[in-house]
Each structure stands twice: as C-alpha cells, then as structure tokens.
C-alpha cells in the first residue's frame, strides 16, 4: 500500500505530478483559502508527509494527530516560525523549507515598495481616478528620492544582500545592522555596519529583513520610529510580527516618519477597518513579495522534492 501525504493548499497538477506517481495525495481543494484547522486535524492522521503553507500551524496537536508514521514536514515558505521545530526534532521528523529561491522576487518588491511609498504612487494614481488631476503644478505630489539616499537595512541575510545589489543602481549609501558585523560583506558590497540607533538616525529608508524571533518580535515600536528621520520611509517585507502596528500608525499619522510600505502585517489578512488603511502615507500589500510565477513554481518544486527525498530514502532503508 502506498504511503499517503497531505497537501494543505491546492497546487497545480503539473507541479505535484511526481508526488502523485509515488504516493497517495490528499490535497485541499482550494488554492486561495487556507485549510481550516479542523480539516487539518481530521486529515493528517496516518500521513507520512505534510506539505504545508505558512498559514498552517504545525504544532504538537497536529503531530499527535498525525501519528508515529509521520516522517517529514515540508513547508512552502522560507520562514518556519509556524512550525514547532522542537517537537519535530524530538520525534525525529525532518523539516524541509525553500531557502534562497525567492531572493530576487522579494528584493524586487522591496525596491518597488521603496519607490512607491517614497514617490506617493498609490496616492497619485488615486488622484487620477478621483478626478483630482488638474493643471501641472510644480510641487503637487512631490516625494522623496531613492536615488542617492542612505538606506538602512536591518538584518543581513541572503535577501538583504540581494537588495543591496539592486540599490547599487540607485547610487545609494547602504548601512546595515545585524547581530554581528560582517567584514567580508562590507568589503564585497561596499556597505557599512552601524548599531541600531545610528542606523535609524542616518537612514532615509529603513528596510527590515530580520527573522521573527522572541528577541525581534515588535522590535519596530514607538522608540524605534522616534529615532528615524521625519523624512524617512519604513519598509517591511519580512514578518508582520516585527512591527508594533499601533506605534507605526501613530508615527505615520503624526508625520513622525514620512511613509511606510508593508507587504506583511499582523494579522494576515489585515482587516479592512485597520487604521493603517486610512492613511495616505501607508501602502499595504497582501503578502505578495515572492508572488512571481517563476518563484512560486520553484518553491513548489523544492517543497515537493523535500518530501520526495525524505520518503524515498526512508522507503529504501526500510526495504534494506
């Protein structure tokens, strides 16, 4: 009898064909809606593998419900803070994820948010739709320049490195803050390390590329925004939990900072009555940083392969 795997979101058939050839696949029937928690718990029992999304919480309860035959969890994401990794380790269950494949797409969107928020593109487009585009005016809809600006990057992983390479075309001065200085990167990329207060004080743009941990949760708070320039733009394409959103709202509303561009929020989706959505200097996107066709297809392929690799090796070992 074939082993069975659970896929918690509908994926295109051609992307999961290798899994269907080797295993019984139980796949949620909707692409745009997360599998409800009760469905996940009901359908995970007896599965050898789980291919999940960042919207699925894989905790002790799910693992208990799955049973001892569960060998691997593969997540269609770079981050895995939605998974109880300690519980997986205790049970000897492998974890697969999709690192680096989305670097270009996320870096591209980070630059897009910088330009859109600083140059007031959504506000300008709305003015056209509302019939407020009158005669040319010398200072109407003017914004901040990215070209020649100082950009502060918090966190210096692979996505941040890719952002730095994009910024070289804008002649930006790039500062970064991380747990420890990275001299090799500084020499190779021409960037400079700063402690957090210095970075915030000097930067015209601040972009977050840090993981969500207990140490970084809500790190972008009132004190954080108070150290930024009034002309500075805040960008977050990492995790919504890094930001204290009430404090961001106040900073934007009082013009303590110039603008913000967010691809991630807490919660997701952001409620339509969120105060952030009332501000003309806050651009919010629906977590689409990696949403290019090429990137998402590569992520699916890697997630499939992570499942297949573990289960294939396990099946071989059991026969031997």
Protein backbone atom coordinates (compact mmCIF):
# COMPACT_ATOMS: atom_id res chain seq x y z
CA UNK A 1 0.00 0.00 0.00
CA UNK A 2 1.28 3.47 -0.93
CA UNK A 3 2.24 5.95 1.73
CA UNK A 4 -0.03 8.96 1.97
CA UNK A 5 0.87 12.65 2.04
CA UNK A 6 -1.22 15.70 2.88
CA UNK A 7 -1.01 18.96 0.89
CA UNK A 8 -2.75 21.79 2.72
CA UNK A 9 -3.43 24.02 -0.30
CA UNK A 10 -4.47 23.27 -3.88
CA UNK A 11 -1.43 23.32 -6.16
CA UNK A 12 -1.34 22.93 -9.96
CA UNK A 13 -1.38 19.29 -11.03
CA UNK A 14 1.80 19.56 -13.08
CA UNK A 15 3.72 20.72 -10.00
CA UNK A 16 2.68 17.77 -7.83
CA UNK A 17 2.75 15.09 -10.55
CA UNK A 18 5.94 13.48 -9.10
CA UNK A 19 4.23 13.12 -5.72
CA UNK A 20 1.11 11.56 -7.26
CA UNK A 21 3.23 8.99 -9.07
CA UNK A 22 4.75 7.68 -5.86
CA UNK A 23 2.21 8.41 -3.11
CA UNK A 24 -1.46 8.77 -2.34
CA UNK A 25 -2.00 12.53 -2.28
CA UNK A 26 -4.69 14.11 -0.12
CA UNK A 27 -4.84 17.75 -1.23
CA UNK A 28 -7.05 20.58 0.00
CA UNK A 29 -9.38 21.65 -2.80
CA UNK A 30 -8.92 25.43 -2.65
CA UNK A 31 -5.91 27.42 -3.85
CA UNK A 32 -6.81 30.75 -2.26
CA UNK A 33 -8.18 29.59 1.09
CA UNK A 34 -6.20 28.00 3.89
CA UNK A 35 -7.22 24.55 5.06
CA UNK A 36 -9.34 25.02 8.19
CA UNK A 37 -7.79 23.82 11.41
CA UNK A 38 -10.40 21.13 11.98
CA UNK A 39 -9.83 19.79 8.45
CA UNK A 40 -6.09 19.69 9.02
CA UNK A 41 -6.51 17.72 12.23
CA UNK A 42 -9.00 15.34 10.66
CA UNK A 43 -6.97 14.64 7.53
CA UNK A 44 -3.43 14.49 8.88
CA UNK A 45 -3.96 11.16 10.66
CA UNK A 46 -1.93 8.38 9.09
CA UNK A 47 0.06 10.62 6.78
CA UNK A 48 3.76 10.01 6.17
CA UNK A 49 4.40 13.54 4.96
CA UNK A 50 2.85 17.00 5.12
CA UNK A 51 3.34 19.75 2.56
CA UNK A 52 2.09 22.86 4.35
CA UNK A 53 1.95 26.62 3.90
CA UNK A 54 2.99 29.43 6.24
CA UNK A 55 -0.72 29.81 7.08
CA UNK A 56 -0.77 26.35 8.70
CA UNK A 57 0.25 25.96 12.32
CA UNK A 58 2.10 22.67 12.68
CA UNK A 59 2.22 22.20 16.42
CA UNK A 60 2.21 19.39 18.97
CA UNK A 61 -1.51 18.78 18.46
CA UNK A 62 -1.05 18.25 14.71
CA UNK A 63 1.89 15.92 15.26
CA UNK A 64 -0.02 13.89 17.84
CA UNK A 65 -2.95 13.60 15.48
CA UNK A 66 -0.71 12.56 12.58
CA UNK A 67 0.77 9.59 14.40
CA UNK A 68 4.16 7.92 14.62
CA UNK A 69 4.42 7.20 10.89
CA UNK A 70 4.87 10.92 10.06
CA UNK A 71 8.39 11.30 8.72
CA UNK A 72 8.64 14.76 7.23
CA UNK A 73 7.07 18.21 7.10
CA UNK A 74 7.82 20.33 4.03
CA UNK A 75 6.76 23.97 4.11
CA UNK A 76 6.10 26.07 1.02
CA UNK A 77 7.97 29.01 2.55
CA UNK A 78 11.33 30.35 3.59
CA UNK A 79 10.33 31.01 7.19
CA UNK A 80 9.17 28.26 9.50
CA UNK A 81 8.02 30.11 12.63
CA UNK A 82 4.60 28.47 12.07
CA UNK A 83 6.14 25.07 12.84
CA UNK A 84 7.09 23.68 16.24
CA UNK A 85 10.62 22.71 15.25
CA UNK A 86 11.50 21.46 18.74
CA UNK A 87 8.61 18.98 18.63
CA UNK A 88 9.74 17.78 15.19
CA UNK A 89 13.26 17.25 16.46
CA UNK A 90 12.07 15.24 19.47
CA UNK A 91 10.15 12.91 17.17
CA UNK A 92 12.89 12.60 14.56
CA UNK A 93 10.72 14.26 11.89
CA UNK A 94 12.62 16.13 9.17
CA UNK A 95 11.78 19.68 8.16
CA UNK A 96 12.07 20.98 4.60
CA UNK A 97 11.74 24.60 3.51
CA UNK A 98 12.53 26.72 0.44
CA UNK A 99 15.51 29.00 1.16
CA UNK A 100 17.05 31.47 -1.29
CA UNK A 101 14.67 30.69 -4.17
CA UNK A 102 12.65 33.83 -3.51
CA UNK A 103 15.57 36.24 -3.03
CA UNK A 104 15.19 38.03 -6.36
CA UNK A 105 11.41 38.37 -6.16
CA UNK A 106 11.43 39.73 -2.60
CA UNK A 107 14.30 42.10 -3.34
CA UNK A 108 12.47 43.39 -6.42
CA UNK A 109 9.32 44.04 -4.40
CA UNK A 110 11.32 45.73 -1.64
CA UNK A 111 12.66 48.22 -4.17
CA UNK A 112 9.16 48.62 -5.63
CA UNK A 113 7.81 49.49 -2.17
CA UNK A 114 10.61 51.98 -1.59
CA UNK A 115 9.79 53.76 -4.85
CA UNK A 116 6.02 53.53 -4.48
CA UNK A 117 5.89 54.76 -0.89
CA UNK A 118 8.50 57.49 -1.27
CA UNK A 119 7.13 58.85 -4.56
CA UNK A 120 3.48 58.55 -3.42
CA UNK A 121 2.48 56.40 -6.38
CA UNK A 122 -0.75 54.90 -4.91
CA UNK A 123 -1.86 58.35 -3.76
CA UNK A 124 -1.13 59.83 -7.19
CA UNK A 125 -2.93 57.02 -9.02
CA UNK A 126 -5.97 57.50 -6.77
CA UNK A 127 -5.96 61.23 -7.52
CA UNK A 128 -6.28 60.42 -11.22
CA UNK A 129 -9.20 58.08 -10.56
CA UNK A 130 -10.91 60.68 -8.34
CA UNK A 131 -10.64 63.41 -10.96
CA UNK A 132 -8.19 65.45 -8.89
CA UNK A 133 -5.57 65.66 -11.64
CA UNK A 134 -5.66 69.33 -12.57
CA UNK A 135 -3.18 71.59 -14.30
CA UNK A 136 0.50 70.80 -13.85
CA UNK A 137 1.75 72.12 -10.51
CA UNK A 138 5.43 72.38 -9.51
CA UNK A 139 5.16 70.80 -6.07
CA UNK A 140 1.99 68.69 -6.28
CA UNK A 141 2.60 65.01 -5.40
CA UNK A 142 6.30 65.53 -4.82
CA UNK A 143 8.02 62.84 -2.79
CA UNK A 144 11.37 61.61 -1.54
CA UNK A 145 14.23 60.41 -3.78
CA UNK A 146 15.64 56.90 -3.57
CA UNK A 147 18.50 57.87 -5.87
CA UNK A 148 21.49 58.93 -3.76
CA UNK A 149 19.69 58.16 -0.48
CA UNK A 150 21.08 56.45 2.60
CA UNK A 151 19.36 53.10 3.08
CA UNK A 152 19.49 51.28 6.41
CA UNK A 153 18.98 47.52 6.31
CA UNK A 154 18.16 45.63 9.49
CA UNK A 155 19.25 42.02 9.16
CA UNK A 156 21.84 40.97 6.59
CA UNK A 157 20.85 37.59 5.19
CA UNK A 158 20.64 36.50 1.57
CA UNK A 159 17.57 38.62 0.73
CA UNK A 160 19.19 41.72 2.22
CA UNK A 161 22.32 41.07 0.14
CA UNK A 162 20.17 40.91 -2.97
CA UNK A 163 18.52 44.21 -2.03
CA UNK A 164 21.98 45.79 -1.67
CA UNK A 165 22.89 44.74 -5.19
CA UNK A 166 19.67 46.32 -6.51
CA UNK A 167 20.43 49.55 -4.65
CA UNK A 168 23.81 49.93 -6.33
CA UNK A 169 21.96 51.10 -9.44
CA UNK A 170 20.46 53.95 -7.42
CA UNK A 171 23.85 55.14 -6.08
CA UNK A 172 22.67 54.57 -2.53
CA UNK A 173 24.81 54.62 0.57
CA UNK A 174 23.92 51.42 2.43
CA UNK A 175 24.16 50.86 6.17
CA UNK A 176 23.25 47.68 7.96
CA UNK A 177 22.62 46.42 11.48
CA UNK A 178 22.89 42.76 12.42
CA UNK A 179 23.77 40.58 15.39
CA UNK A 180 27.43 40.86 14.44
CA UNK A 181 29.43 42.82 11.84
CA UNK A 182 30.22 41.07 8.54
CA UNK A 183 33.57 42.47 7.32
CA UNK A 184 33.68 40.27 4.21
CA UNK A 185 30.27 41.53 3.08
CA UNK A 186 31.23 45.11 3.88
CA UNK A 187 34.25 44.86 1.61
CA UNK A 188 32.44 42.99 -1.17
CA UNK A 189 29.25 45.08 -1.20
CA UNK A 190 30.57 48.43 -0.03
CA UNK A 191 28.24 48.61 2.97
CA UNK A 192 28.89 49.87 6.50
CA UNK A 193 27.84 48.45 9.86
CA UNK A 194 26.01 50.66 12.35
CA UNK A 195 24.37 49.98 15.67
CA UNK A 196 20.59 50.37 15.58
CA UNK A 197 20.31 53.96 16.90
CA UNK A 198 22.97 55.19 14.46
CA UNK A 199 21.34 53.41 11.53
CA UNK A 200 17.91 54.83 12.29
CA UNK A 201 19.25 58.36 12.75
CA UNK A 202 21.21 58.35 9.47
CA UNK A 203 18.88 56.49 7.10
CA UNK A 204 16.46 57.96 4.57
CA UNK A 205 14.94 54.49 4.10
CA UNK A 206 14.81 51.70 6.68
CA UNK A 207 14.03 48.21 5.42
CA UNK A 208 13.59 45.16 7.64
CA UNK A 209 15.00 41.76 6.66
CA UNK A 210 15.19 40.03 10.04
CA UNK A 211 13.67 36.73 11.16
CA UNK A 212 10.78 36.73 13.60
CA UNK A 213 12.01 35.50 16.99
CA UNK A 214 11.14 36.27 20.58
CA UNK A 215 14.02 38.78 20.52
CA UNK A 216 12.86 40.57 17.37
CA UNK A 217 9.09 40.47 17.93
CA UNK A 218 7.64 44.03 17.94
CA UNK A 219 11.16 45.46 17.69
CA UNK A 220 9.82 48.26 15.47
CA UNK A 221 7.96 50.17 18.16
CA UNK A 222 7.43 53.77 19.27
CA UNK A 223 11.03 54.15 20.43
CA UNK A 224 12.25 52.72 17.12
CA UNK A 225 10.20 55.12 14.98
CA UNK A 226 11.12 58.07 17.20
CA UNK A 227 14.76 57.60 16.20
CA UNK A 228 14.02 57.79 12.46
CA UNK A 229 14.12 60.96 10.40
CA UNK A 230 10.76 62.70 9.79
CA UNK A 231 11.58 62.37 6.08
CA UNK A 232 12.37 58.62 6.30
CA UNK A 233 10.45 55.76 4.70
CA UNK A 234 9.89 52.45 6.52
CA UNK A 235 9.69 49.17 4.57
CA UNK A 236 8.80 45.67 5.81
CA UNK A 237 8.80 42.58 3.60
CA UNK A 238 9.84 40.14 6.35
CA UNK A 239 7.22 39.38 9.01
CA UNK A 240 4.37 41.45 10.36
CA UNK A 241 5.20 40.46 13.93
CA UNK A 242 8.37 42.54 13.80
CA UNK A 243 6.27 45.70 13.93
CA UNK A 244 4.11 47.17 16.68
CA UNK A 245 1.42 48.37 14.28
CA UNK A 246 -0.29 50.79 16.65
CA UNK A 247 3.03 52.57 17.09
CA UNK A 248 3.61 52.61 13.33
CA UNK A 249 0.16 54.10 12.82
CA UNK A 250 0.89 56.90 15.28
CA UNK A 251 4.27 57.61 13.69
CA UNK A 252 2.69 57.87 10.24
CA UNK A 253 -0.38 59.83 11.36
CA UNK A 254 1.69 62.42 13.21
CA UNK A 255 4.23 62.50 10.36
CA UNK A 256 7.00 61.46 12.73
CA UNK A 257 8.10 59.45 9.69
CA UNK A 258 7.31 60.19 6.07
CA UNK A 259 5.77 56.96 4.78
CA UNK A 260 5.67 53.18 5.04
CA UNK A 261 5.43 50.29 2.60
CA UNK A 262 4.32 46.96 4.05
CA UNK A 263 3.97 43.56 2.43
CA UNK A 264 3.37 41.81 5.75
CA UNK A 265 1.08 42.64 8.66
CA UNK A 266 -0.42 41.24 11.84
CA UNK A 267 -2.86 39.66 11.39
CA UNK A 268 -2.99 38.48 7.80
CA UNK A 269 -5.19 39.31 6.08
CA UNK A 270 -5.27 42.80 7.55
CA UNK A 271 -8.86 43.74 8.47
CA UNK A 272 -10.39 46.27 6.11
CA UNK A 273 -11.08 48.59 9.07
CA UNK A 274 -7.42 48.70 10.14
CA UNK A 275 -6.34 52.28 10.97
CA UNK A 276 -3.29 51.80 8.74
CA UNK A 277 -5.58 51.67 5.70
CA UNK A 278 -6.94 55.15 6.46
CA UNK A 279 -3.54 56.76 5.90
CA UNK A 280 -2.44 58.14 2.54
CA UNK A 281 1.21 57.64 3.51
CA UNK A 282 0.93 53.90 4.19
CA UNK A 283 1.00 51.38 1.34
CA UNK A 284 -0.09 47.85 2.32
CA UNK A 285 0.23 44.84 0.01
CA UNK A 286 -1.27 41.37 0.62
CA UNK A 287 1.97 39.43 1.30
CA UNK A 288 2.98 39.08 -2.35
CA UNK A 289 6.76 39.60 -2.17
CA UNK A 290 7.51 36.16 -3.64
CA UNK A 291 4.47 36.15 -5.92
CA UNK A 292 6.12 35.85 -9.29
CA UNK A 293 5.11 32.86 -11.39
CA UNK A 294 8.71 31.68 -11.69
CA UNK A 295 9.43 31.99 -7.97
CA UNK A 296 6.28 30.30 -6.73
CA UNK A 297 6.75 27.45 -9.23
CA UNK A 298 10.31 26.94 -7.98
CA UNK A 299 9.09 26.97 -4.39
CA UNK A 300 6.51 24.28 -5.17
CA UNK A 301 9.14 22.19 -6.90
CA UNK A 302 11.50 22.42 -3.93
CA UNK A 303 8.73 21.66 -1.44
CA UNK A 304 7.76 18.59 -3.48
CA UNK A 305 11.37 17.46 -3.70
CA UNK A 306 11.88 17.86 0.02
CA UNK A 307 9.01 15.45 0.67
CA UNK A 308 10.09 13.01 -2.01
CA UNK A 309 13.71 12.91 -0.91
CA UNK A 310 12.91 12.02 2.70
CA UNK A 311 10.19 9.48 1.92
CA UNK A 312 12.21 7.83 -0.86
CA UNK A 313 15.24 7.38 1.38
CA UNK A 314 13.02 6.10 4.18
CA UNK A 315 11.38 3.56 1.89
CA UNK A 316 14.76 2.36 0.64
CA UNK A 317 16.13 1.95 4.17
CA UNK A 318 13.03 0.03 5.29
CA UNK A 319 13.44 -2.42 2.38
CA UNK A 320 17.09 -2.95 3.26
